[in-house]
Amino acid sequence: MSRAIFVFSVDNFALQQKFVVAAAEIEAQMENQTRATGRIEELFESLLHRAFSGAL
């Protein structure tokens, strides 16, 4: 029976932590962007309503 040898590398812990921090920052920015997009859509709908109801 032959044995296969698998070689893999493990990045150092500091590099992994740096990646985790960067990923968390990106996720927070994406959440903020999603909230901002929702708010913009609400404001646009309000503007449309005002425009077509004669309130402007």
PDB file of N, CA and C in Angstrom:
ATOM      1  N   MET A   1       0.853  -1.175   0.000  1.00  0.00           N
ATOM      2  CA  MET A   1       0.000   0.000   0.000  1.00  0.00           C
ATOM      3  C   MET A   1       0.898   1.236   0.000  1.00  0.00           C
ATOM      4  N   SER A   2       0.663   2.112  -0.960  1.00  0.00           N
ATOM      5  CA  SER A   2       1.460   3.342  -1.004  1.00  0.00           C
ATOM      6  C   SER A   2       0.722   4.450  -0.266  1.00  0.00           C
ATOM      7  N   ARG A   3       1.483   5.305   0.308  1.00  0.00           N
ATOM      8  CA  ARG A   3       0.907   6.428   1.047  1.00  0.00           C
ATOM      9  C   ARG A   3       1.110   7.705   0.251  1.00  0.00           C
ATOM     10  N   ALA A   4       0.073   8.489   0.184  1.00  0.00           N
ATOM     11  CA  ALA A   4       0.174   9.780  -0.488  1.00  0.00           C
ATOM     12  C   ALA A   4       0.622  10.816   0.533  1.00  0.00           C
ATOM     13  N   ILE A   5       1.464  11.688   0.107  1.00  0.00           N
ATOM     14  CA  ILE A   5       1.928  12.757   0.981  1.00  0.00           C
ATOM     15  C   ILE A   5       1.313  14.059   0.475  1.00  0.00           C
ATOM     16  N   PHE A   6       0.614  14.716   1.360  1.00  0.00           N
ATOM     17  CA  PHE A   6      -0.015  15.989   1.029  1.00  0.00           C
ATOM     18  C   PHE A   6       0.780  17.107   1.679  1.00  0.00           C
ATOM     19  N   VAL A   7       1.086  18.089   0.902  1.00  0.00           N
ATOM     20  CA  VAL A   7       1.814  19.244   1.409  1.00  0.00           C
ATOM     21  C   VAL A   7       0.899  20.456   1.276  1.00  0.00           C
ATOM     22  N   PHE A   8       0.765  21.178   2.342  1.00  0.00           N
ATOM     23  CA  PHE A   8      -0.023  22.397   2.301  1.00  0.00           C
ATOM     24  C   PHE A   8       0.633  23.420   3.211  1.00  0.00           C
ATOM     25  N   SER A   9       0.353  24.659   2.916  1.00  0.00           N
ATOM     26  CA  SER A   9       0.947  25.719   3.727  1.00  0.00           C
ATOM     27  C   SER A   9      -0.132  26.373   4.573  1.00  0.00           C
ATOM     28  N   VAL A  10       0.286  26.832   5.705  1.00  0.00           N
ATOM     29  CA  VAL A  10      -0.607  27.554   6.600  1.00  0.00           C
ATOM     30  C   VAL A  10      -0.010  28.941   6.778  1.00  0.00           C
ATOM     31  N   ASP A  11      -0.783  29.953   6.401  1.00  0.00           N
ATOM     32  CA  ASP A  11      -0.292  31.315   6.563  1.00  0.00           C
ATOM     33  C   ASP A  11      -0.136  31.632   8.041  1.00  0.00           C
ATOM     34  N   ASN A  12       0.748  32.545   8.320  1.00  0.00           N
ATOM     35  CA  ASN A  12       0.968  32.870   9.724  1.00  0.00           C
ATOM     36  C   ASN A  12      -0.262  33.537  10.325  1.00  0.00           C
ATOM     37  N   PHE A  13      -0.344  33.479  11.630  1.00  0.00           N
ATOM     38  CA  PHE A  13      -1.524  33.952  12.345  1.00  0.00           C
ATOM     39  C   PHE A  13      -1.755  35.445  12.128  1.00  0.00           C
ATOM     40  N   ALA A  14      -0.701  36.236  12.106  1.00  0.00           N
ATOM     41  CA  ALA A  14      -0.846  37.682  11.915  1.00  0.00           C
ATOM     42  C   ALA A  14      -1.497  37.990  10.570  1.00  0.00           C
ATOM     43  N   LEU A  15      -1.111  37.268   9.547  1.00  0.00           N
ATOM     44  CA  LEU A  15      -1.697  37.472   8.224  1.00  0.00           C
ATOM     45  C   LEU A  15      -3.173  37.064   8.223  1.00  0.00           C
ATOM     46  N   GLN A  16      -3.489  35.989   8.911  1.00  0.00           N
ATOM     47  CA  GLN A  16      -4.888  35.555   9.002  1.00  0.00           C
ATOM     48  C   GLN A  16      -5.721  36.605   9.728  1.00  0.00           C
ATOM     49  N   GLN A  17      -5.183  37.163  10.803  1.00  0.00           N
ATOM     50  CA  GLN A  17      -5.903  38.192  11.553  1.00  0.00           C
ATOM     51  C   GLN A  17      -6.109  39.440  10.699  1.00  0.00           C
ATOM     52  N   LYS A  18      -5.106  39.802   9.919  1.00  0.00           N
ATOM     53  CA  LYS A  18      -5.221  40.960   9.028  1.00  0.00           C
ATOM     54  C   LYS A  18      -6.350  40.740   8.025  1.00  0.00           C
ATOM     55  N   PHE A  19      -6.450  39.530   7.508  1.00  0.00           N
ATOM     56  CA  PHE A  19      -7.516  39.199   6.567  1.00  0.00           C
ATOM     57  C   PHE A  19      -8.882  39.291   7.245  1.00  0.00           C
ATOM     58  N   VAL A  20      -8.985  38.775   8.467  1.00  0.00           N
ATOM     59  CA  VAL A  20     -10.255  38.808   9.198  1.00  0.00           C
ATOM     60  C   VAL A  20     -10.707  40.246   9.410  1.00  0.00           C
ATOM     61  N   VAL A  21      -9.780  41.109   9.803  1.00  0.00           N
ATOM     62  CA  VAL A  21     -10.115  42.517  10.020  1.00  0.00           C
ATOM     63  C   VAL A  21     -10.571  43.167   8.712  1.00  0.00           C
ATOM     64  N   ALA A  22      -9.842  42.924   7.639  1.00  0.00           N
ATOM     65  CA  ALA A  22     -10.208  43.503   6.340  1.00  0.00           C
ATOM     66  C   ALA A  22     -11.578  43.004   5.888  1.00  0.00           C
ATOM     67  N   ALA A  23     -11.839  41.711   6.055  1.00  0.00           N
ATOM     68  CA  ALA A  23     -13.131  41.147   5.653  1.00  0.00           C
ATOM     69  C   ALA A  23     -14.263  41.752   6.473  1.00  0.00           C
ATOM     70  N   ALA A  24     -14.040  41.955   7.771  1.00  0.00           N
ATOM     71  CA  ALA A  24     -15.068  42.554   8.628  1.00  0.00           C
ATOM     72  C   ALA A  24     -15.342  43.995   8.215  1.00  0.00           C
ATOM     73  N   GLU A  25     -14.300  44.736   7.881  1.00  0.00           N
ATOM     74  CA  GLU A  25     -14.485  46.116   7.429  1.00  0.00           C
ATOM     75  C   GLU A  25     -15.268  46.173   6.124  1.00  0.00           C
ATOM     76  N   ILE A  26     -14.968  45.280   5.222  1.00  0.00           N
ATOM     77  CA  ILE A  26     -15.694  45.236   3.948  1.00  0.00           C
ATOM     78  C   ILE A  26     -17.157  44.894   4.185  1.00  0.00           C
ATOM     79  N   GLU A  27     -17.407  43.930   5.057  1.00  0.00           N
ATOM     80  CA  GLU A  27     -18.795  43.560   5.344  1.00  0.00           C
ATOM     81  C   GLU A  27     -19.552  44.727   5.972  1.00  0.00           C
ATOM     82  N   ALA A  28     -18.916  45.462   6.879  1.00  0.00           N
ATOM     83  CA  ALA A  28     -19.560  46.623   7.492  1.00  0.00           C
ATOM     84  C   ALA A  28     -19.870  47.684   6.440  1.00  0.00           C
ATOM     85  N   GLN A  29     -18.946  47.906   5.521  1.00  0.00           N
ATOM     86  CA  GLN A  29     -19.183  48.872   4.445  1.00  0.00           C
ATOM     87  C   GLN A  29     -20.335  48.432   3.554  1.00  0.00           C
ATOM     88  N   MET A  30     -20.415  47.142   3.289  1.00  0.00           N
ATOM     89  CA  MET A  30     -21.513  46.631   2.462  1.00  0.00           C
ATOM     90  C   MET A  30     -22.852  46.826   3.164  1.00  0.00           C
ATOM     91  N   GLU A  31     -22.893  46.599   4.476  1.00  0.00           N
ATOM     92  CA  GLU A  31     -24.135  46.801   5.228  1.00  0.00           C
ATOM     93  C   GLU A  31     -24.534  48.273   5.214  1.00  0.00           C
ATOM     94  N   ASN A  32     -23.557  49.156   5.404  1.00  0.00           N
ATOM     95  CA  ASN A  32     -23.845  50.593   5.345  1.00  0.00           C
ATOM     96  C   ASN A  32     -24.363  50.991   3.971  1.00  0.00           C
ATOM     97  N   GLN A  33     -23.772  50.445   2.938  1.00  0.00           N
ATOM     98  CA  GLN A  33     -24.197  50.755   1.571  1.00  0.00           C
ATOM     99  C   GLN A  33     -25.622  50.266   1.324  1.00  0.00           C
ATOM    100  N   THR A  34     -25.944  49.096   1.842  1.00  0.00           N
ATOM    101  CA  THR A  34     -27.296  48.553   1.691  1.00  0.00           C
ATOM    102  C   THR A  34     -28.313  49.454   2.383  1.00  0.00           C
ATOM    103  N   ARG A  35     -27.983  49.903   3.602  1.00  0.00           N
ATOM    104  CA  ARG A  35     -28.889  50.811   4.314  1.00  0.00           C
ATOM    105  C   ARG A  35     -29.037  52.135   3.563  1.00  0.00           C
ATOM    106  N   ALA A  36     -27.932  52.658   3.055  1.00  0.00           N
ATOM    107  CA  ALA A  36     -27.980  53.927   2.323  1.00  0.00           C
ATOM    108  C   ALA A  36     -28.820  53.786   1.055  1.00  0.00           C
ATOM    109  N   THR A  37     -28.670  52.675   0.373  1.00  0.00           N
ATOM    110  CA  THR A  37     -29.454  52.436  -0.842  1.00  0.00           C
ATOM    111  C   THR A  37     -30.944  52.386  -0.510  1.00  0.00           C
ATOM    112  N   GLY A  38     -31.282  51.725   0.579  1.00  0.00           N
ATOM    113  CA  GLY A  38     -32.680  51.663   1.002  1.00  0.00           C
ATOM    114  C   GLY A  38     -33.239  53.044   1.301  1.00  0.00           C
ATOM    115  N   ARG A  39     -32.438  53.859   1.971  1.00  0.00           N
ATOM    116  CA  ARG A  39     -32.879  55.219   2.300  1.00  0.00           C
ATOM    117  C   ARG A  39     -33.065  56.052   1.032  1.00  0.00           C
ATOM    118  N   ILE A  40     -32.158  55.919   0.093  1.00  0.00           N
ATOM    119  CA  ILE A  40     -32.279  56.647  -1.180  1.00  0.00           C
ATOM    120  C   ILE A  40     -33.550  56.238  -1.908  1.00  0.00           C
ATOM    121  N   GLU A  41     -33.851  54.945  -1.900  1.00  0.00           N
ATOM    122  CA  GLU A  41     -35.073  54.471  -2.555  1.00  0.00           C
ATOM    123  C   GLU A  41     -36.311  55.038  -1.872  1.00  0.00           C
ATOM    124  N   GLU A  42     -36.296  55.107  -0.535  1.00  0.00           N
ATOM    125  CA  GLU A  42     -37.427  55.694   0.194  1.00  0.00           C
ATOM    126  C   GLU A  42     -37.615  57.158  -0.192  1.00  0.00           C
ATOM    127  N   LEU A  43     -36.520  57.890  -0.235  1.00  0.00           N
ATOM    128  CA  LEU A  43     -36.601  59.308  -0.588  1.00  0.00           C
ATOM    129  C   LEU A  43     -37.079  59.509  -2.022  1.00  0.00           C
ATOM    130  N   PHE A  44     -36.625  58.662  -2.928  1.00  0.00           N
ATOM    131  CA  PHE A  44     -37.052  58.767  -4.320  1.00  0.00           C
ATOM    132  C   PHE A  44     -38.547  58.478  -4.444  1.00  0.00           C
ATOM    133  N   GLU A  45     -39.017  57.466  -3.735  1.00  0.00           N
ATOM    134  CA  GLU A  45     -40.453  57.154  -3.762  1.00  0.00           C
ATOM    135  C   GLU A  45     -41.262  58.323  -3.214  1.00  0.00           C
ATOM    136  N   SER A  46     -40.762  58.954  -2.163  1.00  0.00           N
ATOM    137  CA  SER A  46     -41.438  60.117  -1.600  1.00  0.00           C
ATOM    138  C   SER A  46     -41.484  61.262  -2.609  1.00  0.00           C
ATOM    139  N   LEU A  47     -40.374  61.476  -3.294  1.00  0.00           N
ATOM    140  CA  LEU A  47     -40.313  62.521  -4.308  1.00  0.00           C
ATOM    141  C   LEU A  47     -41.291  62.245  -5.444  1.00  0.00           C
ATOM    142  N   LEU A  48     -41.341  60.995  -5.891  1.00  0.00           N
ATOM    143  CA  LEU A  48     -42.293  60.639  -6.947  1.00  0.00           C
ATOM    144  C   LEU A  48     -43.728  60.890  -6.497  1.00  0.00           C
ATOM    145  N   HIS A  49     -44.029  60.499  -5.283  1.00  0.00           N
ATOM    146  CA  HIS A  49     -45.384  60.692  -4.762  1.00  0.00           C
ATOM    147  C   HIS A  49     -45.736  62.179  -4.739  1.00  0.00           C
ATOM    148  N   ARG A  50     -44.810  62.988  -4.241  1.00  0.00           N
ATOM    149  CA  ARG A  50     -45.059  64.422  -4.189  1.00  0.00           C
ATOM    150  C   ARG A  50     -45.207  65.014  -5.593  1.00  0.00           C
ATOM    151  N   ALA A  51     -44.363  64.571  -6.507  1.00  0.00           N
ATOM    152  CA  ALA A  51     -44.393  65.118  -7.867  1.00  0.00           C
ATOM    153  C   ALA A  51     -45.720  64.822  -8.552  1.00  0.00           C
ATOM    154  N   PHE A  52     -46.222  63.610  -8.382  1.00  0.00           N
ATOM    155  CA  PHE A  52     -47.439  63.229  -9.099  1.00  0.00           C
ATOM    156  C   PHE A  52     -48.719  63.516  -8.328  1.00  0.00           C
ATOM    157  N   SER A  53     -48.576  63.978  -7.080  1.00  0.00           N
ATOM    158  CA  SER A  53     -49.778  64.372  -6.343  1.00  0.00           C
ATOM    159  C   SER A  53     -49.928  65.891  -6.319  1.00  0.00           C
ATOM    160  N   GLY A  54     -48.989  66.583  -6.968  1.00  0.00           N
ATOM    161  CA  GLY A  54     -49.061  68.040  -7.048  1.00  0.00           C
ATOM    162  C   GLY A  54     -48.518  68.742  -5.822  1.00  0.00           C
ATOM    163  N   ALA A  55     -47.826  68.043  -4.962  1.00  0.00           N
ATOM    164  CA  ALA A  55     -47.315  68.648  -3.735  1.00  0.00           C
ATOM    165  C   ALA A  55     -46.016  69.419  -3.946  1.00  0.00           C
ATOM    166  N   LEU A  56     -45.436  69.307  -5.111  1.00  0.00           N
ATOM    167  CA  LEU A  56     -44.184  70.038  -5.355  1.00  0.00           C
ATOM    168  C   LEU A  56     -44.447  71.395  -5.944  1.00  0.00           C
TER     169      LEU A  56
END
